[in-house]
C-alpha cells in the first residue's frame, strides 16, 4: 500500500495538471467556436447554416480517438505536418467539443422566445444589438445546465490523449503500472486504476459543483417559467 501512496505524488504532480489544463483548453476553445457556430445556425444565411451543420455533423460523427489520430499521425505521415501530442489532442478534442457546444448554445438560443427579438427590433435595436443585449444574456443562462454535461464528457475524453503519448492522468497511471506490479504484484494494478478513477470522479464532482453554483448565481427567478409561457 505504501507503493500506491508513493505513486500518488507523481500521479498528481505530473498527470493531474496536464489533465486540468487540457480540460480547460478544450472547454475554452469549444466555447469560442461553439457560440459563433450556434448563432450562424440560427441567424446566418443559408450557405453559412449548411456549413455549420456539416461541421457539426462531421466532428460529432467521428470517434474522439480517431480524430486524435488524424491530427497526430495522419497529418504527420500524409502531409509531413508534425504536431506535438498535446497540440494534436487539444485541436482534435477541442473541435469536437465545439461541435457539441454549438448544439447546446443553439438550443439555448432557440429557447428564447422569438418575441424577444421582435420587441428589441421594435424599439430601434439592430439585429446585432438585439442578439448581443437581449438574446445572448438569456441564452447564456439557459446553456449552463447542459454545459455541465459537456464538462463531464470533455474531462473524461482527455484520457484518450494518452494514446498519443500525452502524459496526463491516465497515461501517468499506465506508466506506473510496471512499478506497482514489480513491487506488489499484478493484483495491485487494479488498486492503482481505482485511484485514477477516483481522481477523475473527484474532478467531475468539483467541476459540476462549481457550474451548479454558477447556475444558481446567474439564475433569474421565474425566467425559465416566463420563457416557456411566452412560447
Protein backbone atom coordinates (compact mmCIF):
# COMPACT_ATOMS: atom_id res chain seq x y z
CA UNK A 1 0.00 0.00 0.00
CA UNK A 2 2.95 2.28 0.64
CA UNK A 3 3.96 1.91 -3.01
CA UNK A 4 0.47 3.01 -4.09
CA UNK A 5 0.72 6.02 -1.77
CA UNK A 6 4.15 6.90 -3.14
CA UNK A 7 2.73 6.62 -6.66
CA UNK A 8 0.09 9.24 -5.87
CA UNK A 9 2.67 12.02 -5.75
CA UNK A 10 3.93 11.70 -9.33
CA UNK A 11 0.41 10.83 -10.45
CA UNK A 12 -0.93 14.08 -9.05
CA UNK A 13 2.08 16.31 -9.67
CA UNK A 14 2.72 15.21 -13.26
CA UNK A 15 -0.55 13.89 -14.60
CA UNK A 16 -3.21 15.96 -12.85
CA UNK A 17 -2.11 19.45 -14.00
CA UNK A 18 -1.94 18.28 -17.62
CA UNK A 19 -5.45 16.82 -17.38
CA UNK A 20 -6.82 20.05 -15.89
CA UNK A 21 -5.00 22.22 -18.44
CA UNK A 22 -6.24 20.08 -21.32
CA UNK A 23 -9.82 20.16 -19.99
CA UNK A 24 -9.80 23.96 -19.66
CA UNK A 25 -8.28 24.33 -23.11
CA UNK A 26 -10.91 22.09 -24.69
CA UNK A 27 -13.80 23.85 -22.97
CA UNK A 28 -12.43 27.31 -23.76
CA UNK A 29 -11.69 26.51 -27.39
CA UNK A 30 -15.03 24.80 -27.81
CA UNK A 31 -16.77 27.81 -26.29
CA UNK A 32 -15.02 30.29 -28.62
CA UNK A 33 -16.04 28.27 -31.68
CA UNK A 34 -19.33 26.88 -30.40
CA UNK A 35 -21.11 30.16 -29.77
CA UNK A 36 -20.44 31.64 -33.25
CA UNK A 37 -21.43 28.35 -34.85
CA UNK A 38 -24.68 28.34 -32.89
CA UNK A 39 -25.57 31.90 -33.86
CA UNK A 40 -24.78 31.24 -37.52
CA UNK A 41 -27.02 28.17 -37.47
CA UNK A 42 -29.90 30.24 -36.11
CA UNK A 43 -29.38 33.66 -37.71
CA UNK A 44 -26.93 33.07 -40.58
CA UNK A 45 -27.63 32.91 -44.28
CA UNK A 46 -28.41 29.51 -45.75
CA UNK A 47 -24.84 28.73 -47.04
CA UNK A 48 -23.44 29.51 -43.59
CA UNK A 49 -26.11 27.40 -41.91
CA UNK A 50 -25.28 24.50 -44.20
CA UNK A 51 -21.55 24.85 -43.48
CA UNK A 52 -22.14 24.91 -39.72
CA UNK A 53 -24.43 21.89 -39.97
CA UNK A 54 -21.79 19.96 -41.95
CA UNK A 55 -19.11 20.98 -39.43
CA UNK A 56 -21.23 19.85 -36.52
CA UNK A 57 -22.15 16.53 -38.13
CA UNK A 58 -18.54 15.82 -39.11
CA UNK A 59 -16.95 16.35 -35.71
CA UNK A 60 -19.80 14.77 -33.77
CA UNK A 61 -19.92 11.76 -36.06
CA UNK A 62 -16.25 10.72 -35.80
CA UNK A 63 -14.99 8.96 -32.64
CA UNK A 64 -12.72 11.10 -30.50
CA UNK A 65 -9.80 8.68 -30.69
CA UNK A 66 -9.97 8.62 -34.49
CA UNK A 67 -9.86 12.43 -34.57
CA UNK A 68 -6.82 12.47 -32.29
CA UNK A 69 -5.00 10.01 -34.55
CA UNK A 70 -5.92 12.03 -37.65
CA UNK A 71 -4.37 15.17 -36.20
CA UNK A 72 -1.34 13.43 -34.75
CA UNK A 73 -0.43 10.54 -37.07
CA UNK A 74 -2.49 11.26 -40.19
CA UNK A 75 -1.20 14.78 -40.79
CA UNK A 76 2.37 13.77 -39.98
CA UNK A 77 2.51 10.77 -42.31
CA UNK A 78 0.45 12.16 -45.17
CA UNK A 79 1.44 15.84 -45.25
CA UNK A 80 4.54 15.98 -43.01
CA UNK A 81 2.73 18.30 -40.61
CA UNK A 82 4.12 17.32 -37.23
CA UNK A 83 2.10 18.49 -34.25
CA UNK A 84 3.14 17.89 -30.63
CA UNK A 85 0.93 15.30 -28.90
CA UNK A 86 -0.65 17.87 -26.58
CA UNK A 87 -1.46 20.18 -29.50
CA UNK A 88 -2.92 17.31 -31.52
CA UNK A 89 -5.21 16.29 -28.65
CA UNK A 90 -6.17 19.92 -27.99
CA UNK A 91 -7.16 20.54 -31.62
CA UNK A 92 -8.95 17.24 -32.17
CA UNK A 93 -10.93 17.21 -28.93
CA UNK A 94 -11.44 20.99 -28.97
CA UNK A 95 -13.04 20.95 -32.43
CA UNK A 96 -15.17 18.01 -31.38
CA UNK A 97 -16.27 19.85 -28.24
CA UNK A 98 -17.10 22.96 -30.28
CA UNK A 99 -19.50 20.87 -32.37
CA UNK A 100 -21.27 19.60 -29.26
CA UNK A 101 -21.26 23.01 -27.60
CA UNK A 102 -22.73 24.61 -30.72
CA UNK A 103 -25.78 22.40 -30.29
CA UNK A 104 -26.05 23.32 -26.62
CA UNK A 105 -25.97 27.02 -27.45
CA UNK A 106 -28.25 26.64 -30.48
CA UNK A 107 -30.86 25.01 -28.28
CA UNK A 108 -30.48 27.78 -25.70
CA UNK A 109 -30.86 30.49 -28.35
CA UNK A 110 -33.95 28.86 -29.81
CA UNK A 111 -35.40 28.51 -26.31
CA UNK A 112 -35.55 32.31 -26.04
CA UNK A 113 -38.96 33.47 -27.19
CA UNK A 114 -38.99 34.91 -30.76
CA UNK A 115 -40.94 37.80 -29.33
CA UNK A 116 -37.79 38.98 -27.58
CA UNK A 117 -36.12 39.68 -30.95
CA UNK A 118 -39.24 41.38 -32.30
CA UNK A 119 -39.53 43.56 -29.21
CA UNK A 120 -35.87 44.58 -29.42
CA UNK A 121 -36.18 45.46 -33.11
CA UNK A 122 -39.36 47.43 -32.46
CA UNK A 123 -37.53 49.81 -30.09
CA UNK A 124 -34.85 50.56 -32.66
CA UNK A 125 -32.16 47.94 -31.98
CA UNK A 126 -30.31 46.45 -34.92
CA UNK A 127 -30.27 42.68 -35.27
CA UNK A 128 -26.71 42.53 -33.93
CA UNK A 129 -27.60 44.74 -30.96
CA UNK A 130 -30.66 42.62 -30.19
CA UNK A 131 -28.57 39.45 -30.25
CA UNK A 132 -25.87 40.97 -28.07
CA UNK A 133 -28.01 42.71 -25.46
CA UNK A 134 -31.21 40.64 -25.41
CA UNK A 135 -30.73 37.14 -26.81
CA UNK A 136 -27.18 36.38 -25.71
CA UNK A 137 -27.60 37.04 -21.94
CA UNK A 138 -30.71 34.86 -21.81
CA UNK A 139 -29.19 32.11 -23.93
CA UNK A 140 -26.11 32.05 -21.72
CA UNK A 141 -28.21 31.44 -18.63
CA UNK A 142 -30.12 28.64 -20.33
CA UNK A 143 -26.96 26.95 -21.62
CA UNK A 144 -25.23 26.47 -18.25
CA UNK A 145 -27.09 23.28 -17.14
CA UNK A 146 -26.40 21.29 -20.36
CA UNK A 147 -22.88 22.74 -20.47
CA UNK A 148 -22.25 20.94 -17.18
CA UNK A 149 -22.71 17.64 -19.01
CA UNK A 150 -20.24 18.76 -21.67
CA UNK A 151 -17.67 19.48 -18.96
CA UNK A 152 -18.00 15.94 -17.66
CA UNK A 153 -17.65 14.47 -21.15
CA UNK A 154 -14.64 16.60 -22.04
CA UNK A 155 -12.88 15.77 -18.79
CA UNK A 156 -13.25 12.04 -19.42
CA UNK A 157 -12.23 12.43 -23.09
CA UNK A 158 -8.85 13.80 -22.00
CA UNK A 159 -7.86 10.25 -21.04
CA UNK A 160 -7.83 9.41 -24.77
CA UNK A 161 -4.85 11.72 -25.21
CA UNK A 162 -2.76 9.00 -23.55
CA UNK A 163 -2.98 7.06 -26.85
CA UNK A 164 -0.55 9.52 -28.48
CA UNK A 165 1.75 9.94 -25.50
CA UNK A 166 0.31 12.93 -23.65
CA UNK A 167 1.35 12.39 -20.03
CA UNK A 168 -1.94 13.22 -18.40
CA UNK A 169 -3.62 11.42 -15.53
CA UNK A 170 -4.42 8.18 -17.35
CA UNK A 171 -1.03 7.97 -19.07
CA UNK A 172 0.77 8.57 -15.78
CA UNK A 173 -1.20 5.74 -14.23
CA UNK A 174 -0.24 3.46 -17.11
CA UNK A 175 3.43 4.37 -16.72
CA UNK A 176 3.27 3.48 -13.03
CA UNK A 177 1.77 0.04 -13.64
CA UNK A 178 5.11 -1.82 -14.07
CA UNK A 179 6.45 -0.29 -10.84
CA UNK A 180 3.37 -1.32 -8.88
CA UNK A 181 3.34 -4.80 -10.40
CA UNK A 182 7.01 -5.48 -9.67
CA UNK A 183 6.76 -4.18 -6.11
CA UNK A 184 3.37 -5.51 -5.01
CA UNK A 185 2.12 -7.91 -7.67
CA UNK A 186 -0.29 -7.74 -10.59
CA UNK A 187 -3.40 -7.58 -8.40
CA UNK A 188 -2.40 -4.14 -7.09
CA UNK A 189 -2.68 -2.69 -10.59
CA UNK A 190 -6.43 -2.73 -10.01
CA UNK A 191 -5.94 -0.58 -6.91
CA UNK A 192 -3.87 1.90 -8.94
CA UNK A 193 -6.56 2.12 -11.60
CA UNK A 194 -9.22 2.61 -8.95
CA UNK A 195 -7.17 5.52 -7.57
CA UNK A 196 -7.05 7.05 -11.05
CA UNK A 197 -10.82 6.55 -11.41
CA UNK A 198 -11.44 8.22 -8.03
CA UNK A 199 -9.36 11.24 -9.07
CA UNK A 200 -11.47 11.59 -12.23
CA UNK A 201 -14.60 11.24 -10.11
CA UNK A 202 -13.45 13.99 -7.75
CA UNK A 203 -12.60 16.32 -10.64
CA UNK A 204 -16.01 15.68 -12.20
CA UNK A 205 -17.79 16.34 -8.92
CA UNK A 206 -15.86 19.57 -8.25
CA UNK A 207 -16.49 20.85 -11.77
CA UNK A 208 -20.21 20.05 -11.66
CA UNK A 209 -20.50 21.63 -8.24
CA UNK A 210 -18.79 24.83 -9.46
CA UNK A 211 -21.03 25.05 -12.51
CA UNK A 212 -24.05 24.37 -10.32
CA UNK A 213 -23.07 27.35 -8.16
CA UNK A 214 -22.69 29.47 -11.30
CA UNK A 215 -26.13 28.38 -12.48
CA UNK A 216 -27.74 29.38 -9.20
CA UNK A 217 -25.85 32.66 -9.11
CA UNK A 218 -26.96 33.86 -12.55
CA UNK A 219 -30.48 32.43 -12.41
CA UNK A 220 -33.29 34.96 -12.66
CA UNK A 221 -36.29 33.77 -10.58
CA UNK A 222 -39.15 32.83 -12.88
CA UNK A 223 -37.07 33.38 -16.03
CA UNK A 224 -37.40 29.82 -17.34
CA UNK A 225 -41.10 29.79 -16.49
CA UNK A 226 -41.71 33.03 -18.41
CA UNK A 227 -39.75 31.70 -21.36
CA UNK A 228 -41.99 28.62 -21.57
CA UNK A 229 -45.13 30.73 -21.16
CA UNK A 230 -44.07 33.06 -23.99
CA UNK A 231 -43.81 30.11 -26.35
